[in-house]
Protein backbone atom coordinates (compact mmCIF):
# COMPACT_ATOMS: atom_id res chain seq x y z
CA UNK A 1 14.00 -41.85 22.07
CA UNK A 2 14.24 -37.88 22.60
CA UNK A 3 12.45 -35.52 20.32
CA UNK A 4 15.96 -34.37 18.60
CA UNK A 5 16.27 -37.98 17.62
CA UNK A 6 13.07 -38.21 15.77
CA UNK A 7 13.43 -34.46 14.26
CA UNK A 8 17.21 -34.95 12.98
CA UNK A 9 18.47 -38.74 12.62
CA UNK A 10 21.88 -39.08 12.25
CA UNK A 11 21.94 -41.89 10.21
CA UNK A 12 19.53 -42.81 7.07
CA UNK A 13 17.52 -46.29 7.21
CA UNK A 14 19.58 -47.44 4.57
CA UNK A 15 22.90 -46.57 6.37
CA UNK A 16 24.77 -49.89 7.24
CA UNK A 17 24.45 -50.82 11.21
CA UNK A 18 28.00 -49.22 11.93
CA UNK A 19 26.66 -45.42 11.23
CA UNK A 20 23.53 -46.28 13.45
CA UNK A 21 26.09 -47.42 16.22
CA UNK A 22 28.17 -44.36 15.76
CA UNK A 23 25.10 -42.22 15.65
CA UNK A 24 23.37 -43.61 19.11
CA UNK A 25 27.13 -42.81 20.75
CA UNK A 26 26.99 -39.16 19.91
CA UNK A 27 25.60 -36.75 22.30
CA UNK A 28 24.03 -34.34 20.22
CA UNK A 29 22.98 -31.82 23.23
CA UNK A 30 26.46 -31.55 24.55
CA UNK A 31 27.94 -31.04 20.71
CA UNK A 32 25.14 -28.48 20.34
CA UNK A 33 26.21 -26.89 23.10
CA UNK A 34 30.03 -26.92 21.82
CA UNK A 35 29.10 -25.75 18.69
CA UNK A 36 27.47 -22.65 20.03
CA UNK A 37 30.54 -22.06 22.41
CA UNK A 38 33.15 -22.03 19.35
CA UNK A 39 30.81 -19.33 17.93
CA UNK A 40 30.68 -17.55 21.04
CA UNK A 41 34.77 -17.94 21.10
CA UNK A 42 34.92 -16.45 17.59
CA UNK A 43 33.05 -13.31 17.97
CA UNK A 44 29.49 -14.99 17.57
CA UNK A 45 29.73 -15.34 13.63
CA UNK A 46 31.79 -17.89 11.55
CA UNK A 47 31.58 -20.32 8.65
CA UNK A 48 31.41 -24.23 9.28
CA UNK A 49 35.21 -24.45 8.43
CA UNK A 50 35.85 -22.00 11.50
CA UNK A 51 33.75 -24.02 13.99
CA UNK A 52 35.63 -27.24 12.77
CA UNK A 53 39.05 -25.50 13.65
CA UNK A 54 37.66 -24.80 17.35
CA UNK A 55 36.62 -28.17 17.70
CA UNK A 56 39.54 -30.24 16.46
CA UNK A 57 38.27 -33.42 18.12
CA UNK A 58 35.45 -33.66 15.77
CA UNK A 59 35.13 -34.02 11.87
CA UNK A 60 33.46 -31.77 9.91
CA UNK A 61 30.75 -34.76 9.44
CA UNK A 62 29.67 -34.53 13.05
CA UNK A 63 29.74 -31.00 13.25
CA UNK A 64 27.87 -29.93 10.31
CA UNK A 65 24.50 -31.35 10.98
CA UNK A 66 24.52 -29.39 14.29
CA UNK A 67 23.77 -26.39 12.62
CA UNK A 68 20.10 -27.35 10.82
CA UNK A 69 18.84 -28.02 14.20
CA UNK A 70 20.36 -24.80 15.83
CA UNK A 71 18.96 -22.66 12.89
CA UNK A 72 15.71 -24.14 13.52
CA UNK A 73 15.87 -23.49 17.36
CA UNK A 74 16.35 -19.99 16.69
CA UNK A 75 20.10 -20.14 18.47
CA UNK A 76 21.65 -19.16 15.09
CA UNK A 77 20.79 -17.30 12.28
CA UNK A 78 22.02 -16.98 8.53
CA UNK A 79 23.64 -13.62 8.10
CA UNK A 80 23.03 -13.79 4.26
CA UNK A 81 26.79 -13.63 4.15
CA UNK A 82 29.02 -15.64 2.46
CA UNK A 83 32.88 -16.52 2.86
CA UNK A 84 35.02 -18.70 1.13
CA UNK A 85 36.13 -21.73 3.24
CA UNK A 86 39.53 -23.85 3.38
CA UNK A 87 38.06 -25.77 0.18
CA UNK A 88 37.80 -22.31 -1.96
CA UNK A 89 34.45 -23.00 -1.98
CA UNK A 90 31.59 -20.09 -0.37
CA UNK A 91 30.38 -21.13 2.94
CA UNK A 92 27.33 -19.21 4.66
CA UNK A 93 28.10 -16.89 7.46
CA UNK A 94 25.74 -17.80 10.59
CA UNK A 95 25.74 -15.73 13.56
CA UNK A 96 24.80 -16.51 17.33
CA UNK A 97 20.99 -14.85 17.89
CA UNK A 98 20.59 -12.61 20.95
CA UNK A 99 18.45 -14.38 23.51
CA UNK A 100 15.34 -11.93 23.07
CA UNK A 101 15.73 -12.25 19.33
CA UNK A 102 15.45 -16.40 19.27
CA UNK A 103 11.75 -16.46 19.09
CA UNK A 104 11.84 -14.28 16.02
CA UNK A 105 14.76 -16.30 14.42
CA UNK A 106 13.07 -19.38 14.85
CA UNK A 107 9.91 -18.16 13.40
CA UNK A 108 11.48 -16.43 10.43
CA UNK A 109 13.63 -19.80 10.04
CA UNK A 110 10.38 -22.17 10.29
CA UNK A 111 8.52 -19.72 7.45
CA UNK A 112 11.33 -20.02 4.94
CA UNK A 113 11.61 -24.04 5.59
CA UNK A 114 8.02 -24.27 4.81
CA UNK A 115 8.54 -21.90 1.63
CA UNK A 116 10.97 -23.95 0.62
CA UNK A 117 9.06 -27.09 0.85
CA UNK A 118 5.78 -25.69 -0.61
CA UNK A 119 8.08 -24.85 -3.68
CA UNK A 120 9.44 -28.64 -3.94
CA UNK A 121 5.83 -29.86 -3.50
CA UNK A 122 4.68 -27.50 -6.15
CA UNK A 123 7.76 -28.82 -8.69
CA UNK A 124 6.77 -32.00 -7.96
CA UNK A 125 3.29 -31.59 -8.48
CA UNK A 126 4.08 -30.09 -11.87
CA UNK A 127 6.50 -32.51 -12.90
CA UNK A 128 3.75 -35.45 -11.79
CA UNK A 129 1.07 -33.50 -13.91
CA UNK A 130 3.82 -33.09 -16.95
CA UNK A 131 4.38 -36.87 -16.90
CA UNK A 132 1.03 -37.71 -16.83
CA UNK A 133 -0.21 -36.09 -19.41
CA UNK A 134 3.14 -37.40 -21.27
CA UNK A 135 1.59 -41.10 -20.74
CA UNK A 136 -1.70 -39.85 -21.70
CA UNK A 137 -0.63 -38.72 -24.96
CA UNK A 138 1.40 -42.00 -25.59
CA UNK A 139 -1.17 -44.29 -24.80
CA UNK A 140 -3.86 -41.92 -26.84
CA UNK A 141 -6.00 -40.79 -23.99
CA UNK A 142 -5.46 -37.32 -23.79
CA UNK A 143 -4.44 -34.61 -26.57
CA UNK A 144 -2.78 -31.27 -25.90
CA UNK A 145 -4.76 -28.63 -24.76
CA UNK A 146 -7.54 -30.40 -25.06
CA UNK A 147 -7.23 -30.96 -28.82
CA UNK A 148 -8.77 -33.87 -30.40
């Protein structure tokens, strides 16, 4: 098992065995290289629908999971722009990062991910405190703002 398999499992533990078998057959490194070639063929900027059109032998559900690892490795970056896809829904525009900026792009992505995770943790802790406070009030163990 390589590092990518540990960091980016394509199948969840709760998925049926067929999902795990299909995941094992995918050469992620080769697929990521094909996704990057598709980006370059499209001028370096694209949305998921564009990439899927360039790689017709793959389904969207095979191609889409490759974007996150490429963003994390600093090979792609989010431009901040959006474009309508075939479903008429907005998709983010991703761009190929020049080699000299890859380390910076990777660090920027990781910082954004850490901030997102921190917000999720703070939200979960806030909900847990609220839940515990309500339970305490229900069982008469705690009062609002320390009032008896």
